[in-house]
């Protein structure tokens, strides 16, 4: 069961959807998140891409510096999550085709 989004979360997601291009997106996230938060989110997405490409935990750990716990959590989200990673990964693959 998905948690109900708060009005604040909806407003944030609407703001993100309104961003125009990577530079504006980067500026927004630099203001909203700490450098560490951006690094952590970026690392998780890199892990998701590598898992989606069939890479093994050891290679992912070496390439990204992610812990096996982080890799396992991302893998669990890919398998049983709400489909967010899968949706973005699919769109990213299609845009590169």
N, C-alpha and C. Protein backbone atom coordinates (compact mmCIF):
# COMPACT_ATOMS: atom_id res chain seq x y z
N UNK A 1 0.82 -1.18 0.00
CA UNK A 1 0.00 0.00 0.00
C UNK A 1 0.87 1.25 0.00
N UNK A 2 0.66 2.12 -0.99
CA UNK A 2 1.45 3.33 -1.09
C UNK A 2 1.01 4.34 -0.04
N UNK A 3 1.99 5.05 0.56
CA UNK A 3 1.61 6.10 1.50
C UNK A 3 0.97 7.27 0.76
N UNK A 4 0.07 7.97 1.41
CA UNK A 4 -0.58 9.13 0.82
C UNK A 4 0.43 10.27 0.77
N UNK A 5 0.51 10.91 -0.38
CA UNK A 5 1.42 12.04 -0.52
C UNK A 5 0.87 13.25 0.22
N UNK A 6 1.75 13.92 0.92
CA UNK A 6 1.36 15.16 1.58
C UNK A 6 1.26 16.27 0.54
N UNK A 7 0.61 17.34 0.89
CA UNK A 7 0.52 18.48 -0.04
C UNK A 7 1.90 19.06 -0.31
N UNK A 8 2.79 18.99 0.69
CA UNK A 8 4.15 19.49 0.51
C UNK A 8 4.92 18.63 -0.49
N UNK A 9 4.75 17.31 -0.39
CA UNK A 9 5.43 16.40 -1.33
C UNK A 9 4.89 16.61 -2.75
N UNK A 10 3.58 16.76 -2.87
CA UNK A 10 3.00 17.01 -4.20
C UNK A 10 3.55 18.30 -4.79
N UNK A 11 3.64 19.34 -3.97
CA UNK A 11 4.17 20.62 -4.45
C UNK A 11 5.63 20.47 -4.89
N UNK A 12 6.41 19.69 -4.15
CA UNK A 12 7.81 19.44 -4.52
C UNK A 12 7.89 18.73 -5.85
N UNK A 13 7.10 17.67 -6.02
CA UNK A 13 7.13 16.91 -7.27
C UNK A 13 6.66 17.75 -8.45
N UNK A 14 5.68 18.60 -8.24
CA UNK A 14 5.24 19.51 -9.29
C UNK A 14 6.35 20.49 -9.65
N UNK A 15 7.08 20.97 -8.65
CA UNK A 15 8.21 21.87 -8.91
C UNK A 15 9.28 21.16 -9.74
N UNK A 16 9.57 19.92 -9.40
CA UNK A 16 10.57 19.15 -10.14
C UNK A 16 10.12 18.96 -11.59
N UNK A 17 8.85 18.64 -11.78
CA UNK A 17 8.33 18.45 -13.14
C UNK A 17 8.36 19.73 -13.96
N UNK A 18 8.39 20.88 -13.30
CA UNK A 18 8.39 22.15 -14.02
C UNK A 18 9.79 22.58 -14.47
N UNK A 19 10.81 21.89 -14.01
CA UNK A 19 12.18 22.28 -14.34
C UNK A 19 12.45 22.11 -15.83
N UNK A 20 13.23 23.02 -16.36
CA UNK A 20 13.52 23.04 -17.79
C UNK A 20 14.99 22.75 -18.03
N UNK A 21 15.30 21.50 -18.24
CA UNK A 21 16.66 21.10 -18.60
C UNK A 21 17.52 20.74 -17.41
N UNK A 22 18.66 20.15 -17.74
CA UNK A 22 19.55 19.61 -16.71
C UNK A 22 20.19 20.71 -15.87
N UNK A 23 20.53 21.86 -16.47
CA UNK A 23 21.17 22.92 -15.70
C UNK A 23 20.23 23.48 -14.64
N UNK A 24 18.98 23.73 -15.02
CA UNK A 24 18.01 24.23 -14.05
C UNK A 24 17.74 23.18 -12.98
N UNK A 25 17.66 21.93 -13.38
CA UNK A 25 17.45 20.83 -12.44
C UNK A 25 18.61 20.76 -11.44
N UNK A 26 19.83 20.84 -11.94
CA UNK A 26 21.01 20.79 -11.06
C UNK A 26 21.00 21.95 -10.07
N UNK A 27 20.68 23.15 -10.54
CA UNK A 27 20.63 24.32 -9.65
C UNK A 27 19.59 24.13 -8.55
N UNK A 28 18.42 23.62 -8.95
CA UNK A 28 17.36 23.39 -7.97
C UNK A 28 17.80 22.39 -6.90
N UNK A 29 18.34 21.25 -7.34
CA UNK A 29 18.75 20.23 -6.37
C UNK A 29 19.92 20.69 -5.52
N UNK A 30 20.82 21.52 -6.06
CA UNK A 30 21.92 22.06 -5.26
C UNK A 30 21.38 22.95 -4.14
N UNK A 31 20.27 23.63 -4.39
CA UNK A 31 19.66 24.47 -3.36
C UNK A 31 18.85 23.65 -2.36
N UNK A 32 18.16 22.61 -2.83
CA UNK A 32 17.24 21.84 -2.00
C UNK A 32 17.96 20.77 -1.18
N UNK A 33 18.98 20.15 -1.77
CA UNK A 33 19.67 19.03 -1.13
C UNK A 33 21.09 19.41 -0.73
N UNK A 34 21.62 18.66 0.22
CA UNK A 34 23.05 18.79 0.52
C UNK A 34 23.83 18.06 -0.57
N UNK A 35 25.11 18.36 -0.65
CA UNK A 35 25.97 17.66 -1.61
C UNK A 35 25.93 16.15 -1.34
N UNK A 36 25.95 15.76 -0.08
CA UNK A 36 25.91 14.35 0.30
C UNK A 36 24.61 13.69 -0.15
N UNK A 37 23.48 14.39 -0.01
CA UNK A 37 22.20 13.83 -0.44
C UNK A 37 22.18 13.61 -1.95
N UNK A 38 22.71 14.56 -2.70
CA UNK A 38 22.78 14.41 -4.16
C UNK A 38 23.70 13.24 -4.52
N UNK A 39 24.82 13.12 -3.83
CA UNK A 39 25.74 12.01 -4.08
C UNK A 39 25.06 10.67 -3.77
N UNK A 40 24.34 10.60 -2.67
CA UNK A 40 23.67 9.35 -2.28
C UNK A 40 22.60 8.96 -3.29
N UNK A 41 21.79 9.92 -3.71
CA UNK A 41 20.74 9.64 -4.70
C UNK A 41 21.37 9.21 -6.02
N UNK A 42 22.42 9.93 -6.43
CA UNK A 42 23.12 9.60 -7.68
C UNK A 42 23.72 8.20 -7.62
N UNK A 43 24.29 7.86 -6.47
CA UNK A 43 24.87 6.53 -6.29
C UNK A 43 23.80 5.45 -6.41
N UNK A 44 22.64 5.66 -5.78
CA UNK A 44 21.57 4.67 -5.85
C UNK A 44 21.09 4.49 -7.29
N UNK A 45 21.00 5.57 -8.03
CA UNK A 45 20.57 5.46 -9.42
C UNK A 45 21.62 4.72 -10.26
N UNK A 46 22.89 4.98 -9.99
CA UNK A 46 23.96 4.25 -10.69
C UNK A 46 23.87 2.76 -10.37
N UNK A 47 23.61 2.42 -9.12
CA UNK A 47 23.43 1.03 -8.71
C UNK A 47 22.25 0.41 -9.46
N UNK A 48 21.14 1.13 -9.53
CA UNK A 48 19.96 0.62 -10.23
C UNK A 48 20.26 0.35 -11.69
N UNK A 49 20.98 1.27 -12.34
CA UNK A 49 21.34 1.07 -13.76
C UNK A 49 22.20 -0.18 -13.93
N UNK A 50 23.17 -0.36 -13.03
CA UNK A 50 24.05 -1.51 -13.15
C UNK A 50 23.31 -2.82 -12.86
N UNK A 51 22.44 -2.81 -11.85
CA UNK A 51 21.64 -4.01 -11.58
C UNK A 51 20.75 -4.33 -12.77
N UNK A 52 20.16 -3.31 -13.36
CA UNK A 52 19.29 -3.50 -14.52
C UNK A 52 20.06 -4.08 -15.70
N UNK A 53 21.34 -3.79 -15.76
CA UNK A 53 22.20 -4.33 -16.83
C UNK A 53 22.79 -5.69 -16.47
N UNK A 54 22.38 -6.24 -15.32
CA UNK A 54 22.81 -7.58 -14.95
C UNK A 54 24.14 -7.68 -14.25
N UNK A 55 24.68 -6.56 -13.79
CA UNK A 55 25.98 -6.58 -13.12
C UNK A 55 25.86 -7.24 -11.74
N UNK A 56 26.95 -7.83 -11.29
CA UNK A 56 27.01 -8.51 -10.00
C UNK A 56 27.36 -7.50 -8.90
N UNK A 57 26.96 -7.84 -7.68
CA UNK A 57 27.16 -6.96 -6.52
C UNK A 57 28.61 -6.51 -6.39
N UNK A 58 29.56 -7.43 -6.53
CA UNK A 58 30.97 -7.11 -6.34
C UNK A 58 31.43 -6.03 -7.32
N UNK A 59 31.03 -6.14 -8.58
CA UNK A 59 31.40 -5.15 -9.58
C UNK A 59 30.74 -3.80 -9.29
N UNK A 60 29.48 -3.86 -8.86
CA UNK A 60 28.75 -2.62 -8.54
C UNK A 60 29.40 -1.92 -7.35
N UNK A 61 29.75 -2.70 -6.34
CA UNK A 61 30.39 -2.15 -5.14
C UNK A 61 31.71 -1.47 -5.51
N UNK A 62 32.51 -2.12 -6.35
CA UNK A 62 33.79 -1.57 -6.76
C UNK A 62 33.61 -0.31 -7.61
N UNK A 63 32.63 -0.32 -8.51
CA UNK A 63 32.44 0.80 -9.43
C UNK A 63 31.81 2.02 -8.77
N UNK A 64 30.91 1.78 -7.82
CA UNK A 64 30.14 2.90 -7.26
C UNK A 64 30.53 3.27 -5.83
N UNK A 65 31.18 2.35 -5.14
CA UNK A 65 31.49 2.58 -3.73
C UNK A 65 30.30 2.33 -2.82
N UNK A 66 29.20 1.85 -3.38
CA UNK A 66 28.00 1.57 -2.58
C UNK A 66 28.22 0.33 -1.73
N UNK A 67 27.65 0.35 -0.55
CA UNK A 67 27.73 -0.83 0.32
C UNK A 67 26.82 -1.92 -0.22
N UNK A 68 27.08 -3.15 0.22
CA UNK A 68 26.22 -4.24 -0.21
C UNK A 68 24.79 -4.04 0.32
N UNK A 69 24.66 -3.37 1.46
CA UNK A 69 23.32 -3.07 2.00
C UNK A 69 22.56 -2.12 1.06
N UNK A 70 23.25 -1.12 0.54
CA UNK A 70 22.62 -0.18 -0.40
C UNK A 70 22.26 -0.90 -1.69
N UNK A 71 23.17 -1.72 -2.19
CA UNK A 71 22.91 -2.46 -3.42
C UNK A 71 21.71 -3.39 -3.23
N UNK A 72 21.66 -4.05 -2.09
CA UNK A 72 20.56 -4.95 -1.79
C UNK A 72 19.24 -4.20 -1.71
N UNK A 73 19.25 -3.03 -1.08
CA UNK A 73 18.03 -2.23 -0.96
C UNK A 73 17.53 -1.79 -2.33
N UNK A 74 18.44 -1.32 -3.18
CA UNK A 74 18.05 -0.91 -4.53
C UNK A 74 17.51 -2.11 -5.30
N UNK A 75 18.17 -3.25 -5.16
CA UNK A 75 17.72 -4.46 -5.84
C UNK A 75 16.31 -4.84 -5.39
N UNK A 76 16.05 -4.71 -4.09
CA UNK A 76 14.72 -5.01 -3.55
C UNK A 76 13.69 -4.04 -4.15
N UNK A 77 14.04 -2.78 -4.27
CA UNK A 77 13.13 -1.79 -4.88
C UNK A 77 12.87 -2.13 -6.35
N UNK A 78 13.90 -2.56 -7.05
CA UNK A 78 13.71 -2.95 -8.45
C UNK A 78 12.75 -4.13 -8.57
N UNK A 79 12.85 -5.06 -7.63
CA UNK A 79 12.03 -6.28 -7.69
C UNK A 79 10.63 -6.09 -7.12
N UNK A 80 10.53 -5.34 -6.03
CA UNK A 80 9.26 -5.29 -5.30
C UNK A 80 8.75 -3.88 -5.03
N UNK A 81 9.45 -2.87 -5.51
CA UNK A 81 9.08 -1.49 -5.21
C UNK A 81 7.89 -1.01 -6.01
N UNK A 82 7.69 0.28 -6.02
CA UNK A 82 6.53 0.88 -6.67
C UNK A 82 6.71 1.06 -8.18
N UNK A 83 7.88 0.70 -8.69
CA UNK A 83 8.12 0.78 -10.13
C UNK A 83 8.80 2.05 -10.58
N UNK A 84 9.18 2.88 -9.63
CA UNK A 84 9.83 4.15 -9.98
C UNK A 84 11.15 3.97 -10.73
N UNK A 85 12.02 3.14 -10.18
CA UNK A 85 13.29 2.88 -10.87
C UNK A 85 13.03 2.30 -12.26
N UNK A 86 12.18 1.29 -12.35
CA UNK A 86 11.92 0.61 -13.62
C UNK A 86 11.40 1.59 -14.67
N UNK A 87 10.50 2.46 -14.27
CA UNK A 87 9.93 3.44 -15.18
C UNK A 87 11.01 4.37 -15.75
N UNK A 88 11.84 4.88 -14.87
CA UNK A 88 12.89 5.81 -15.30
C UNK A 88 13.95 5.08 -16.14
N UNK A 89 14.33 3.88 -15.72
CA UNK A 89 15.31 3.12 -16.49
C UNK A 89 14.80 2.83 -17.90
N UNK A 90 13.53 2.48 -18.01
CA UNK A 90 12.94 2.18 -19.31
C UNK A 90 12.94 3.44 -20.19
N UNK A 91 12.53 4.56 -19.62
CA UNK A 91 12.50 5.82 -20.38
C UNK A 91 13.91 6.21 -20.81
N UNK A 92 14.89 6.02 -19.92
CA UNK A 92 16.26 6.37 -20.24
C UNK A 92 16.80 5.52 -21.37
N UNK A 93 16.48 4.22 -21.35
CA UNK A 93 16.92 3.32 -22.43
C UNK A 93 16.29 3.72 -23.75
N UNK A 94 15.00 4.06 -23.73
CA UNK A 94 14.28 4.43 -24.96
C UNK A 94 14.81 5.72 -25.55
N UNK A 95 15.18 6.67 -24.69
CA UNK A 95 15.68 7.95 -25.19
C UNK A 95 17.07 7.82 -25.80
N UNK A 96 17.81 6.77 -25.43
CA UNK A 96 19.15 6.54 -25.98
C UNK A 96 19.12 5.66 -27.22
N UNK A 97 17.95 5.14 -27.55
CA UNK A 97 17.82 4.24 -28.73
C UNK A 97 17.69 5.04 -30.00
